[in-house]
Amino acid sequence: MNRTTLRTSARHRRCACGTHIFVGDQYLEHVISPDHEDIGNSTWWRSAECRACAVRYGRWPVDNGAVMQR
């Protein structure tokens, strides 16, 4: 399972690019289950992606609360 959800941050987070995601900022949360396809992860994987990165890679805009499953 691979799930992407639009969230509003309730705490300080950091994107993989190093950008700070502050309380109240919107971000994309990516969740991948163990042994998902070719990723090779053995545990649950979760990350926060800032709006700038999501726009850069074509994953923004998303309707508030929308969930994209791949």
N, C-alpha and C. Protein backbone atom coordinates (compact mmCIF):
# COMPACT_ATOMS: atom_id res chain seq x y z
N MET A 1 0.83 -1.17 0.00
CA MET A 1 0.00 0.00 0.00
C MET A 1 0.88 1.24 0.00
N ASN A 2 0.49 2.19 -0.79
CA ASN A 2 1.18 3.47 -0.86
C ASN A 2 0.07 4.53 -0.78
N ARG A 3 0.11 5.38 0.26
CA ARG A 3 -0.94 6.37 0.46
C ARG A 3 -0.34 7.76 0.62
N THR A 4 -0.95 8.75 -0.02
CA THR A 4 -0.54 10.14 0.12
C THR A 4 -1.75 10.93 0.58
N THR A 5 -1.58 11.70 1.67
CA THR A 5 -2.67 12.46 2.25
C THR A 5 -2.24 13.90 2.48
N LEU A 6 -3.12 14.83 2.16
CA LEU A 6 -2.88 16.23 2.46
C LEU A 6 -3.17 16.46 3.93
N ARG A 7 -2.22 17.05 4.65
CA ARG A 7 -2.36 17.28 6.09
C ARG A 7 -2.02 18.73 6.42
N THR A 8 -2.47 19.16 7.59
CA THR A 8 -2.07 20.43 8.17
C THR A 8 -1.25 20.10 9.40
N SER A 9 -0.05 20.61 9.47
CA SER A 9 0.89 20.23 10.52
C SER A 9 0.46 20.74 11.89
N ALA A 10 0.49 19.85 12.87
CA ALA A 10 0.19 20.20 14.26
C ALA A 10 1.49 20.35 15.06
N ARG A 11 2.60 20.03 14.42
CA ARG A 11 3.91 20.16 15.07
C ARG A 11 4.95 20.49 14.01
N HIS A 12 6.12 20.86 14.43
CA HIS A 12 7.21 21.18 13.51
C HIS A 12 7.68 19.90 12.83
N ARG A 13 7.85 19.95 11.52
CA ARG A 13 8.35 18.81 10.74
C ARG A 13 9.42 19.32 9.79
N ARG A 14 10.08 18.39 9.12
CA ARG A 14 11.07 18.77 8.13
C ARG A 14 10.91 17.88 6.90
N CYS A 15 10.91 18.51 5.73
CA CYS A 15 10.85 17.79 4.46
C CYS A 15 12.23 17.19 4.17
N ALA A 16 12.28 16.22 3.27
CA ALA A 16 13.55 15.60 2.89
C ALA A 16 14.51 16.61 2.27
N CYS A 17 13.97 17.70 1.69
CA CYS A 17 14.82 18.73 1.08
C CYS A 17 15.44 19.65 2.13
N GLY A 18 14.98 19.53 3.38
CA GLY A 18 15.51 20.35 4.46
C GLY A 18 14.62 21.52 4.85
N THR A 19 13.55 21.74 4.09
CA THR A 19 12.63 22.83 4.38
C THR A 19 11.86 22.54 5.66
N HIS A 20 11.67 23.55 6.48
CA HIS A 20 10.89 23.41 7.71
C HIS A 20 9.40 23.48 7.37
N ILE A 21 8.63 22.61 7.96
CA ILE A 21 7.17 22.63 7.85
C ILE A 21 6.68 23.03 9.23
N PHE A 22 6.15 24.24 9.35
CA PHE A 22 5.76 24.79 10.63
C PHE A 22 4.31 24.44 10.97
N VAL A 23 3.95 24.61 12.23
CA VAL A 23 2.59 24.37 12.69
C VAL A 23 1.64 25.22 11.84
N GLY A 24 0.59 24.58 11.30
CA GLY A 24 -0.39 25.27 10.47
C GLY A 24 -0.11 25.18 8.98
N ASP A 25 1.11 24.80 8.58
CA ASP A 25 1.44 24.64 7.16
C ASP A 25 0.83 23.36 6.62
N GLN A 26 0.42 23.38 5.36
CA GLN A 26 -0.05 22.16 4.72
C GLN A 26 1.14 21.42 4.13
N TYR A 27 1.06 20.10 4.15
CA TYR A 27 2.12 19.25 3.60
C TYR A 27 1.49 17.95 3.13
N LEU A 28 2.22 17.17 2.37
CA LEU A 28 1.76 15.85 1.97
C LEU A 28 2.44 14.81 2.85
N GLU A 29 1.64 13.90 3.38
CA GLU A 29 2.18 12.78 4.15
C GLU A 29 2.15 11.55 3.25
N HIS A 30 3.29 10.90 3.10
CA HIS A 30 3.40 9.68 2.30
C HIS A 30 3.61 8.51 3.26
N VAL A 31 2.81 7.45 3.09
CA VAL A 31 2.91 6.26 3.93
C VAL A 31 3.04 5.05 3.00
N ILE A 32 4.03 4.22 3.27
CA ILE A 32 4.25 3.01 2.46
C ILE A 32 4.33 1.81 3.40
N SER A 33 3.60 0.76 3.07
CA SER A 33 3.59 -0.45 3.90
C SER A 33 4.87 -1.27 3.71
N PRO A 34 5.17 -2.16 4.64
CA PRO A 34 6.38 -3.00 4.51
C PRO A 34 6.35 -3.83 3.23
N ASP A 35 7.53 -4.04 2.65
CA ASP A 35 7.71 -4.85 1.44
C ASP A 35 6.88 -4.35 0.27
N HIS A 36 6.78 -3.03 0.11
CA HIS A 36 6.01 -2.47 -1.00
C HIS A 36 6.85 -2.46 -2.28
N GLU A 37 6.41 -3.16 -3.28
CA GLU A 37 7.00 -3.22 -4.61
C GLU A 37 8.53 -3.26 -4.57
N ASP A 38 9.19 -2.33 -5.26
CA ASP A 38 10.64 -2.36 -5.41
C ASP A 38 11.39 -1.49 -4.40
N ILE A 39 10.69 -0.93 -3.44
CA ILE A 39 11.33 -0.02 -2.48
C ILE A 39 12.26 -0.78 -1.55
N GLY A 40 11.87 -1.97 -1.15
CA GLY A 40 12.74 -2.79 -0.31
C GLY A 40 12.67 -2.48 1.17
N ASN A 41 11.66 -1.76 1.59
CA ASN A 41 11.54 -1.44 3.01
C ASN A 41 10.99 -2.64 3.78
N SER A 42 11.48 -2.85 5.00
CA SER A 42 11.01 -3.97 5.81
C SER A 42 10.09 -3.51 6.93
N THR A 43 9.91 -2.20 7.08
CA THR A 43 9.01 -1.64 8.08
C THR A 43 8.13 -0.58 7.41
N TRP A 44 7.15 -0.08 8.16
CA TRP A 44 6.33 1.01 7.65
C TRP A 44 7.21 2.23 7.42
N TRP A 45 6.95 2.96 6.35
CA TRP A 45 7.75 4.13 5.99
C TRP A 45 6.80 5.32 5.89
N ARG A 46 7.17 6.42 6.53
CA ARG A 46 6.33 7.62 6.54
C ARG A 46 7.21 8.84 6.34
N SER A 47 6.76 9.78 5.50
CA SER A 47 7.53 11.00 5.30
C SER A 47 6.60 12.18 5.08
N ALA A 48 7.13 13.37 5.34
CA ALA A 48 6.40 14.61 5.12
C ALA A 48 7.06 15.32 3.94
N GLU A 49 6.25 15.81 3.02
CA GLU A 49 6.76 16.54 1.85
C GLU A 49 6.19 17.95 1.85
N CYS A 50 7.07 18.95 1.80
CA CYS A 50 6.63 20.35 1.82
C CYS A 50 5.88 20.68 0.52
N ARG A 51 5.15 21.78 0.57
CA ARG A 51 4.37 22.20 -0.59
C ARG A 51 5.26 22.49 -1.80
N ALA A 52 6.41 23.11 -1.59
CA ALA A 52 7.31 23.44 -2.71
C ALA A 52 7.77 22.19 -3.45
N CYS A 53 8.14 21.15 -2.73
CA CYS A 53 8.57 19.89 -3.37
C CYS A 53 7.39 19.23 -4.09
N ALA A 54 6.21 19.24 -3.45
CA ALA A 54 5.03 18.63 -4.06
C ALA A 54 4.68 19.33 -5.38
N VAL A 55 4.80 20.66 -5.41
CA VAL A 55 4.55 21.40 -6.65
C VAL A 55 5.61 21.06 -7.69
N ARG A 56 6.87 21.04 -7.27
CA ARG A 56 7.98 20.75 -8.18
C ARG A 56 7.82 19.39 -8.85
N TYR A 57 7.31 18.39 -8.12
CA TYR A 57 7.19 17.03 -8.66
C TYR A 57 5.78 16.69 -9.13
N GLY A 58 4.91 17.71 -9.24
CA GLY A 58 3.58 17.51 -9.82
C GLY A 58 2.59 16.79 -8.94
N ARG A 59 2.77 16.85 -7.62
CA ARG A 59 1.84 16.19 -6.71
C ARG A 59 0.91 17.19 -6.01
N TRP A 60 0.97 18.45 -6.37
CA TRP A 60 0.13 19.49 -5.76
C TRP A 60 -0.57 20.18 -6.90
N PRO A 61 -1.79 20.64 -6.85
CA PRO A 61 -2.67 20.72 -5.69
C PRO A 61 -3.45 19.43 -5.49
N VAL A 62 -3.87 19.26 -4.27
CA VAL A 62 -4.71 18.12 -3.89
C VAL A 62 -5.87 18.72 -3.10
N ASP A 63 -7.08 18.23 -3.31
CA ASP A 63 -8.22 18.71 -2.52
C ASP A 63 -7.96 18.42 -1.05
N ASN A 64 -8.35 19.32 -0.18
CA ASN A 64 -8.11 19.15 1.25
C ASN A 64 -8.72 17.85 1.74
N GLY A 65 -7.92 17.03 2.37
CA GLY A 65 -8.38 15.75 2.90
C GLY A 65 -8.34 14.63 1.88
N ALA A 66 -7.96 14.92 0.65
CA ALA A 66 -7.93 13.89 -0.38
C ALA A 66 -6.85 12.86 -0.10
N VAL A 67 -7.12 11.66 -0.48
CA VAL A 67 -6.15 10.57 -0.33
C VAL A 67 -5.90 9.98 -1.70
N MET A 68 -4.63 9.91 -2.08
CA MET A 68 -4.25 9.28 -3.34
C MET A 68 -3.59 7.96 -3.02
N GLN A 69 -4.12 6.88 -3.57
CA GLN A 69 -3.51 5.57 -3.34
C GLN A 69 -2.95 5.05 -4.63
N ARG A 70 -1.76 4.47 -4.53
CA ARG A 70 -1.11 3.93 -5.72
C ARG A 70 -0.81 2.48 -5.51
